[in-house]
């Protein structure tokens, strides 16, 4: 069995998020974009965690582990509505990002399995225009 490509995993994560969260209340993309329309959710590899190619021995290089970030940015830092959106993304319910990712841990058969490791809630980032936005990120370890 061939391992999933990074592009396939990103697309499968987006599909999982769109299935649970829908596409009308937020922008969901598989890549970091320059000027997002908030709220926006995107995926990227976690920069401080290496890709592990040989977790265990086996055919085709053994078990691999790729750590992704699913990042959601809701709006201006002091905006109550943005914080309420993040509350929905972090909490259990119809907009829960962890539940969306975990609903099908094979991502439609694209990967062997995955797990949501943790969520860092209420972090700030600087947009391209220099203004801060508030968001959260989830570490998702994927076994392609």
Protein backbone atom coordinates (compact mmCIF):
# COMPACT_ATOMS: atom_id res chain seq x y z
CA UNK A 1 0.00 0.00 0.00
CA UNK A 2 1.43 3.37 -1.01
CA UNK A 3 1.69 6.04 1.65
CA UNK A 4 -0.47 9.12 1.28
CA UNK A 5 1.17 12.26 -0.06
CA UNK A 6 1.19 15.53 1.83
CA UNK A 7 -1.25 16.97 -0.72
CA UNK A 8 -3.66 14.05 -0.21
CA UNK A 9 -3.53 14.42 3.58
CA UNK A 10 -4.17 18.16 3.41
CA UNK A 11 -7.17 17.61 1.10
CA UNK A 12 -8.56 14.90 3.39
CA UNK A 13 -8.22 17.14 6.47
CA UNK A 14 -10.05 19.94 4.64
CA UNK A 15 -12.81 17.52 3.61
CA UNK A 16 -13.21 16.32 7.22
CA UNK A 17 -13.46 19.89 8.48
CA UNK A 18 -15.92 20.93 5.76
CA UNK A 19 -18.12 17.89 6.45
CA UNK A 20 -18.65 18.82 10.12
CA UNK A 21 -18.29 22.61 10.10
CA UNK A 22 -19.73 23.45 6.70
CA UNK A 23 -18.36 26.09 4.35
CA UNK A 24 -20.63 29.08 4.92
CA UNK A 25 -19.42 30.34 8.32
CA UNK A 26 -15.66 30.09 7.73
CA UNK A 27 -13.05 29.71 5.02
CA UNK A 28 -11.34 26.28 5.13
CA UNK A 29 -8.16 25.77 3.10
CA UNK A 30 -5.37 23.21 2.98
CA UNK A 31 -2.59 25.78 2.88
CA UNK A 32 -1.56 28.95 4.67
CA UNK A 33 -2.85 31.92 2.69
CA UNK A 34 -1.58 35.50 2.60
CA UNK A 35 -4.72 37.52 3.34
CA UNK A 36 -7.34 35.24 4.89
CA UNK A 37 -10.94 36.29 5.29
CA UNK A 38 -11.64 35.54 8.94
CA UNK A 39 -12.72 33.22 10.30
CA UNK A 40 -10.30 30.95 8.45
CA UNK A 41 -9.07 27.43 9.15
CA UNK A 42 -5.98 26.06 7.41
CA UNK A 43 -3.56 23.16 7.74
CA UNK A 44 0.22 23.05 7.71
CA UNK A 45 3.02 20.89 8.99
CA UNK A 46 4.03 21.67 12.57
CA UNK A 47 7.36 23.50 12.20
CA UNK A 48 8.95 22.43 15.51
CA UNK A 49 8.24 18.69 15.15
CA UNK A 50 10.26 16.62 12.68
CA UNK A 51 8.65 14.24 10.22
CA UNK A 52 9.52 10.76 11.47
CA UNK A 53 10.13 8.38 8.57
CA UNK A 54 11.06 5.19 10.44
CA UNK A 55 8.93 4.98 13.58
CA UNK A 56 8.94 1.19 13.18
CA UNK A 57 10.49 -1.15 10.65
CA UNK A 58 8.40 -2.50 7.83
CA UNK A 59 7.77 -2.37 4.13
CA UNK A 60 8.17 0.96 2.33
CA UNK A 61 10.30 2.57 5.06
CA UNK A 62 8.23 1.59 8.06
CA UNK A 63 5.70 3.64 9.98
CA UNK A 64 5.80 7.38 9.39
CA UNK A 65 4.44 10.14 11.64
CA UNK A 66 3.64 13.61 10.33
CA UNK A 67 2.60 16.32 12.79
CA UNK A 68 0.18 18.86 11.39
CA UNK A 69 -1.31 22.02 12.79
CA UNK A 70 -4.93 22.77 12.09
CA UNK A 71 -5.08 26.50 12.76
CA UNK A 72 -8.25 28.55 13.15
CA UNK A 73 -8.24 32.33 13.23
CA UNK A 74 -11.50 33.99 14.13
CA UNK A 75 -11.07 37.77 14.12
CA UNK A 76 -9.69 40.76 15.93
CA UNK A 77 -8.15 40.11 19.34
CA UNK A 78 -10.68 42.22 21.28
CA UNK A 79 -13.72 41.09 19.29
CA UNK A 80 -16.17 39.18 21.49
CA UNK A 81 -17.79 37.49 18.47
CA UNK A 82 -14.36 36.15 17.42
CA UNK A 83 -13.83 34.73 20.90
CA UNK A 84 -17.28 33.14 20.80
CA UNK A 85 -16.39 31.54 17.46
CA UNK A 86 -13.22 30.12 19.03
CA UNK A 87 -15.27 28.83 21.97
CA UNK A 88 -17.30 26.81 19.45
CA UNK A 89 -14.17 25.49 17.70
CA UNK A 90 -12.60 24.39 21.00
CA UNK A 91 -15.74 23.05 22.75
CA UNK A 92 -17.64 19.87 22.00
CA UNK A 93 -20.47 20.40 19.54
CA UNK A 94 -21.29 21.04 15.88
CA UNK A 95 -18.30 23.39 15.30
CA UNK A 96 -15.69 21.40 17.30
CA UNK A 97 -12.53 21.10 15.23
CA UNK A 98 -11.13 18.13 17.20
CA UNK A 99 -14.38 16.21 16.71
CA UNK A 100 -14.36 17.04 12.99
CA UNK A 101 -10.86 15.62 12.56
CA UNK A 102 -11.54 12.56 14.73
CA UNK A 103 -14.87 11.66 13.07
CA UNK A 104 -13.03 9.44 10.59
CA UNK A 105 -9.52 8.67 11.81
CA UNK A 106 -8.56 7.24 8.42
CA UNK A 107 -9.65 10.43 6.62
CA UNK A 108 -11.72 8.45 4.15
CA UNK A 109 -9.04 5.78 3.79
CA UNK A 110 -6.27 8.25 2.92
CA UNK A 111 -4.22 7.51 6.07
CA UNK A 112 -3.81 4.60 8.46
CA UNK A 113 -4.77 6.64 11.51
CA UNK A 114 -4.44 9.96 13.28
CA UNK A 115 -4.81 11.51 16.70
CA UNK A 116 -5.47 15.01 17.96
CA UNK A 117 -2.65 15.56 20.45
CA UNK A 118 -3.52 18.96 21.90
CA UNK A 119 -5.07 22.36 21.35
CA UNK A 120 -3.41 25.69 22.06
CA UNK A 121 -6.35 28.04 22.47
CA UNK A 122 -6.48 31.79 22.17
CA UNK A 123 -3.18 32.56 20.48
CA UNK A 124 -2.49 35.74 18.54
CA UNK A 125 -0.96 36.11 15.10
CA UNK A 126 -0.07 39.12 13.01
CA UNK A 127 -1.90 39.47 9.70
CA UNK A 128 -0.24 40.74 6.52
CA UNK A 129 -1.51 44.26 7.27
CA UNK A 130 0.19 44.20 10.69
CA UNK A 131 -2.97 43.88 12.79
CA UNK A 132 -3.35 41.06 15.33
CA UNK A 133 -5.97 38.32 15.11
CA UNK A 134 -6.98 35.69 17.66
CA UNK A 135 -7.02 31.97 17.00
CA UNK A 136 -6.30 28.47 18.20
CA UNK A 137 -4.34 25.52 16.84
CA UNK A 138 -4.61 21.76 17.14
CA UNK A 139 -1.69 19.37 16.77
CA UNK A 140 -2.78 16.39 14.70
CA UNK A 141 -0.37 13.47 14.37
CA UNK A 142 -1.01 11.57 11.15
CA UNK A 143 0.19 8.05 10.32
CA UNK A 144 0.01 7.90 6.49
